[in-house]
Amino acid sequence: MSGHDVTAAAWMRPEWPVPPSVGALMTTRAGGISAAPYDSLNLGDHVGDAPDAVAGNRARLVAVLRAEPVFLRQVHGTKVVHLRPEHTRSGMPVEADAALATEPGLACTVMVADCLPVLFASPDGRAVAAAHAGWRGLAAGVLDHTVAALCVAGGCEPADLLAWLGPCIGADSFEVGDDVRQVFRQAQAGAALRFRSGARAGKWWADLPGLARDRLAAAGVVKVGGGHWCTVEDRSRFFSFRRDGVTGRMAAAVWIADGRRR
């Protein structure tokens, strides 16, 4: 088994019925070269890790993918960027919280360490997308915007799309104030059911993947998998900003395979 195979074996592969032309994966914290507290596969270049270590970790990701990952400058917004080849050559990250691709070899990539990564594919594999959904972006509509843009690009309906929810902070770990609860109550119907009274006065336990599932359902997306892993609870496998403060970042990526790549 090669070094690349050993690295990839520690990562997650979505179990979803996409065409063979669609590739997807979610990294874990395993398989890299970063030192603590970024150990070991930190892909974030904005968290204080040694630049050489981040570059080495990203090189490992590129070696496993059959595509070029395009990293975004995520701002907890709703912008969706349609990736083009020039995005891999500019050297400057695009400010957006979601990306879609219709050309082979471009990997839609989002980084997370508690926020929810959501991967999408059209049923025929002609278009794919990835979205970064923290609570702010989710409430503002980042998934809605991604679904709408992907349906236009892929020539399909929301009910045809395939979606996968990656690891994020779980419903027993995400304690928020009443301000967050009120934002969701105003943003989407039935959101109050995704909050439980917290251990402290004025606090609530929020079900982030549940809120995302509800939002996707309202947008017409019914083929949704994943969303069963808590980044906070599984210290050995996942980075978690809520748990550790200073920590690394994982990546979720989806792409259309380029037959010329090996």
Protein backbone atom coordinates (compact mmCIF):
# COMPACT_ATOMS: atom_id res chain seq x y z
CA MET A 1 0.00 0.00 0.00
CA SER A 2 1.42 3.40 -0.99
CA GLY A 3 1.78 6.38 1.34
CA HIS A 4 -1.09 8.08 -0.43
CA ASP A 5 -3.31 5.03 0.13
CA VAL A 6 -2.45 4.99 3.84
CA THR A 7 -3.35 8.67 4.13
CA ALA A 8 -6.65 8.31 2.26
CA ALA A 9 -7.63 5.24 4.28
CA ALA A 10 -8.14 7.49 7.32
CA TRP A 11 -10.54 9.77 5.45
CA MET A 12 -14.27 9.51 4.86
CA ARG A 13 -15.97 8.59 1.59
CA PRO A 14 -19.66 9.49 1.28
CA GLU A 15 -21.96 6.55 0.73
CA TRP A 16 -24.33 7.97 -1.82
CA PRO A 17 -25.56 6.70 -5.22
CA VAL A 18 -23.67 9.12 -7.46
CA PRO A 19 -22.42 8.26 -10.97
CA PRO A 20 -18.88 6.84 -11.21
CA SER A 21 -17.66 10.15 -12.66
CA VAL A 22 -18.28 11.92 -9.34
CA GLY A 23 -15.60 11.78 -6.67
CA ALA A 24 -16.04 12.91 -3.07
CA LEU A 25 -14.22 12.72 0.23
CA MET A 26 -13.93 14.28 3.66
CA THR A 27 -10.56 14.45 5.36
CA THR A 28 -10.09 13.76 9.06
CA ARG A 29 -7.31 15.02 11.29
CA ALA A 30 -5.21 11.93 10.48
CA GLY A 31 -2.55 11.46 7.84
CA GLY A 32 -0.65 14.74 7.89
CA ILE A 33 2.58 16.33 9.13
CA SER A 34 1.41 19.21 11.34
CA ALA A 35 2.50 19.33 14.99
CA ALA A 36 0.11 19.79 17.93
CA PRO A 37 -2.36 21.41 18.32
CA TYR A 38 -2.82 21.10 14.55
CA ASP A 39 -1.96 17.39 14.45
CA SER A 40 -1.83 16.13 11.98
CA LEU A 41 -3.62 16.86 8.67
CA ASN A 42 -4.45 20.54 9.10
CA LEU A 43 -5.44 22.09 5.76
CA GLY A 44 -6.16 25.61 7.03
CA ASP A 45 -3.58 28.28 6.21
CA HIS A 46 -5.23 30.85 8.47
CA VAL A 47 -5.08 29.17 11.89
CA GLY A 48 -1.45 29.72 12.92
CA ASP A 49 0.06 26.46 11.70
CA ALA A 50 3.51 26.37 10.08
CA PRO A 51 3.12 27.26 6.36
CA ASP A 52 5.40 24.41 5.28
CA ALA A 53 3.25 21.91 7.17
CA VAL A 54 0.03 23.23 5.61
CA ALA A 55 1.62 23.10 2.16
CA GLY A 56 2.72 19.53 2.77
CA ASN A 57 -0.73 18.52 3.95
CA ARG A 58 -2.40 20.13 0.96
CA ALA A 59 0.04 18.31 -1.31
CA ARG A 60 -1.14 15.05 0.24
CA LEU A 61 -4.74 15.99 -0.50
CA VAL A 62 -3.92 16.81 -4.13
CA ALA A 63 -2.11 13.49 -4.50
CA VAL A 64 -5.24 11.58 -3.47
CA LEU A 65 -7.78 13.58 -5.47
CA ARG A 66 -8.33 13.17 -9.16
CA ALA A 67 -8.86 16.92 -9.28
CA GLU A 68 -7.41 20.25 -8.16
CA PRO A 69 -8.94 21.51 -4.88
CA VAL A 70 -10.03 25.14 -4.92
CA PHE A 71 -9.96 26.56 -1.39
CA LEU A 72 -12.34 29.41 -0.57
CA ARG A 73 -12.07 32.35 1.80
CA GLN A 74 -15.13 31.50 3.84
CA VAL A 75 -17.01 34.34 5.53
CA HIS A 76 -20.22 32.63 6.77
CA GLY A 77 -22.16 34.12 3.87
CA THR A 78 -24.28 32.79 1.02
CA LYS A 79 -22.18 33.43 -2.10
CA VAL A 80 -21.78 30.51 -4.51
CA VAL A 81 -18.88 30.62 -6.97
CA HIS A 82 -18.91 28.66 -10.24
CA LEU A 83 -15.39 27.30 -10.51
CA ARG A 84 -13.34 27.81 -13.65
CA PRO A 85 -9.78 26.69 -14.49
CA GLU A 86 -8.48 30.17 -13.71
CA HIS A 87 -9.45 29.70 -10.07
CA THR A 88 -6.67 27.11 -9.72
CA ARG A 89 -4.08 29.44 -11.23
CA SER A 90 -4.81 32.76 -9.55
CA GLY A 91 -3.25 31.91 -6.18
CA MET A 92 -5.86 34.11 -4.49
CA PRO A 93 -8.74 32.42 -2.65
CA VAL A 94 -12.23 33.34 -3.76
CA GLU A 95 -14.47 34.85 -1.06
CA ALA A 96 -17.47 32.54 -0.97
CA ASP A 97 -19.05 29.84 1.19
CA ALA A 98 -20.04 27.47 -1.58
CA ALA A 99 -18.67 26.38 -4.92
CA LEU A 100 -20.01 24.44 -7.88
CA ALA A 101 -18.27 22.86 -10.83
CA THR A 102 -19.38 21.60 -14.23
CA GLU A 103 -15.89 20.97 -15.61
CA PRO A 104 -13.79 17.89 -14.80
CA GLY A 105 -10.73 18.26 -12.60
CA LEU A 106 -11.96 21.09 -10.33
CA ALA A 107 -12.72 20.04 -6.75
CA CYS A 108 -15.31 22.11 -4.89
CA THR A 109 -13.73 22.30 -1.44
CA VAL A 110 -14.87 23.69 1.91
CA MET A 111 -12.95 23.68 5.20
CA VAL A 112 -14.55 23.01 8.58
CA ALA A 113 -13.85 22.37 12.25
CA ASP A 114 -17.44 22.25 13.65
CA CYS A 115 -19.41 23.92 10.86
CA LEU A 116 -21.37 21.60 8.58
CA PRO A 117 -19.96 20.66 5.16
CA VAL A 118 -22.59 19.70 2.59
CA LEU A 119 -21.71 18.02 -0.71
CA PHE A 120 -24.07 17.89 -3.70
CA ALA A 121 -24.23 16.15 -7.07
CA SER A 122 -26.67 16.23 -9.92
CA PRO A 123 -28.14 12.81 -10.78
CA ASP A 124 -26.17 12.50 -14.02
CA GLY A 125 -22.93 13.81 -12.51
CA ARG A 126 -22.76 16.84 -14.81
CA ALA A 127 -22.60 19.27 -11.89
CA VAL A 128 -21.36 19.11 -8.29
CA ALA A 129 -21.17 21.53 -5.40
CA ALA A 130 -19.91 21.95 -1.83
CA ALA A 131 -21.25 24.32 0.81
CA HIS A 132 -19.89 25.53 4.16
CA ALA A 133 -22.83 25.80 6.55
CA GLY A 134 -22.14 27.28 9.94
CA TRP A 135 -25.20 28.50 11.77
CA ARG A 136 -24.96 32.01 10.32
CA GLY A 137 -24.66 30.85 6.73
CA LEU A 138 -27.31 28.19 7.19
CA ALA A 139 -29.82 30.68 8.60
CA ALA A 140 -28.98 33.18 5.85
CA GLY A 141 -29.65 30.63 3.12
CA VAL A 142 -26.31 29.27 1.86
CA LEU A 143 -27.86 25.87 1.15
CA ASP A 144 -30.81 27.43 -0.66
CA HIS A 145 -28.44 29.44 -2.87
CA THR A 146 -26.30 26.39 -3.57
CA VAL A 147 -29.29 24.24 -4.53
CA ALA A 148 -30.65 26.92 -6.85
CA ALA A 149 -27.30 27.48 -8.57
CA LEU A 150 -26.61 23.77 -8.93
CA CYS A 151 -30.02 23.07 -10.46
CA VAL A 152 -29.43 25.76 -13.07
CA ALA A 153 -25.92 24.50 -13.83
CA GLY A 154 -26.97 20.84 -13.89
CA GLY A 155 -30.30 21.28 -15.63
CA CYS A 156 -32.19 19.40 -12.93
CA GLU A 157 -34.73 19.85 -10.16
CA PRO A 158 -33.98 19.97 -6.40
CA ALA A 159 -35.72 16.61 -5.91
CA ASP A 160 -33.20 15.05 -8.29
CA LEU A 161 -30.12 16.23 -6.38
CA LEU A 162 -28.04 14.03 -4.10
CA ALA A 163 -26.72 15.60 -0.89
CA TRP A 164 -24.36 14.41 1.84
CA LEU A 165 -23.87 16.00 5.25
CA GLY A 166 -20.41 15.61 6.73
CA PRO A 167 -19.25 15.70 10.37
CA CYS A 168 -20.11 18.81 12.37
CA ILE A 169 -20.81 19.86 15.94
CA GLY A 170 -23.60 17.61 17.20
CA ALA A 171 -26.91 18.31 18.88
CA ASP A 172 -25.53 17.37 22.32
CA SER A 173 -22.52 19.69 21.99
CA PHE A 174 -23.76 22.84 20.25
CA GLU A 175 -24.90 25.16 23.04
CA VAL A 176 -26.16 28.53 21.81
CA GLY A 177 -27.90 31.58 23.18
CA ASP A 178 -31.51 32.51 22.62
CA ASP A 179 -30.39 34.99 19.94
CA VAL A 180 -29.37 32.11 17.67
CA ARG A 181 -32.63 30.29 18.33
CA GLN A 182 -34.62 33.39 17.43
CA VAL A 183 -32.66 33.85 14.19
CA PHE A 184 -33.64 30.36 13.07
CA ARG A 185 -37.24 30.71 14.23
CA GLN A 186 -37.54 33.72 11.94
CA ALA A 187 -35.59 32.13 9.08
CA GLN A 188 -37.32 28.76 8.71
CA ALA A 189 -40.59 27.17 9.73
CA GLY A 190 -40.45 24.56 12.46
CA ALA A 191 -36.91 25.47 13.51
CA ALA A 192 -37.90 25.68 17.18
CA LEU A 193 -38.22 21.88 17.20
CA ARG A 194 -34.48 21.60 16.55
CA PHE A 195 -33.59 23.30 19.86
CA ARG A 196 -33.62 21.79 23.37
CA SER A 197 -33.26 23.63 26.65
CA GLY A 198 -29.61 23.85 27.62
CA ALA A 199 -27.88 23.09 30.88
CA ARG A 200 -27.68 26.80 31.71
CA ALA A 201 -30.36 29.45 31.89
CA GLY A 202 -30.96 31.14 28.55
CA LYS A 203 -29.01 28.49 26.64
CA TRP A 204 -30.17 25.95 24.08
CA TRP A 205 -28.80 22.81 22.46
CA ALA A 206 -29.01 23.30 18.68
CA ASP A 207 -29.27 20.46 16.15
CA LEU A 208 -27.22 21.84 13.27
CA PRO A 209 -27.54 18.84 10.91
CA GLY A 210 -31.27 18.66 11.70
CA LEU A 211 -31.68 22.33 10.82
CA ALA A 212 -29.80 21.70 7.58
CA ARG A 213 -32.01 18.73 6.70
CA ASP A 214 -35.10 20.86 7.28
CA ARG A 215 -33.68 23.63 5.12
CA LEU A 216 -32.85 21.22 2.32
CA ALA A 217 -36.31 19.65 2.52
CA ALA A 218 -37.91 23.08 2.24
CA ALA A 219 -35.77 23.69 -0.86
CA GLY A 220 -37.04 20.44 -2.36
CA VAL A 221 -33.97 18.26 -1.72
CA VAL A 222 -35.09 14.85 -0.46
CA LYS A 223 -32.10 12.56 -1.15
CA VAL A 224 -29.91 13.41 1.83
CA GLY A 225 -27.40 11.20 3.62
CA GLY A 226 -24.79 11.52 6.34
CA GLY A 227 -24.83 14.00 9.22
CA HIS A 228 -24.33 11.44 12.00
CA TRP A 229 -20.87 12.39 13.33
CA CYS A 230 -20.02 14.94 16.04
CA THR A 231 -16.71 16.75 15.69
CA VAL A 232 -16.67 17.73 19.37
CA GLU A 233 -17.19 14.25 20.75
CA ASP A 234 -14.66 12.43 18.56
CA ARG A 235 -11.35 14.08 19.52
CA SER A 236 -9.16 11.43 17.89
CA ARG A 237 -10.80 11.77 14.48
CA PHE A 238 -11.95 15.36 14.04
CA PHE A 239 -10.76 18.91 14.60
CA SER A 240 -13.17 21.00 16.70
CA PHE A 241 -12.90 24.75 17.25
CA ARG A 242 -15.60 24.68 19.92
CA ARG A 243 -13.71 22.01 21.87
CA ASP A 244 -10.11 23.14 21.42
CA GLY A 245 -10.06 26.78 20.30
CA VAL A 246 -6.70 26.65 18.51
CA THR A 247 -6.92 23.73 16.10
CA GLY A 248 -6.74 22.67 12.47
CA ARG A 249 -9.24 22.45 9.66
CA MET A 250 -10.60 19.50 7.69
CA ALA A 251 -11.81 19.62 4.10
CA ALA A 252 -14.79 18.19 2.28
CA ALA A 253 -14.47 18.00 -1.50
CA VAL A 254 -16.51 16.86 -4.48
CA TRP A 255 -15.47 16.84 -8.13
CA ILE A 256 -16.09 15.48 -11.60
CA ALA A 257 -13.26 13.13 -12.47
CA ASP A 258 -10.92 14.05 -15.27
CA GLY A 259 -10.25 10.91 -17.27
CA ARG A 260 -6.77 12.16 -18.13
CA ARG A 261 -5.68 12.11 -14.47
CA ARG A 262 -4.27 8.99 -12.85
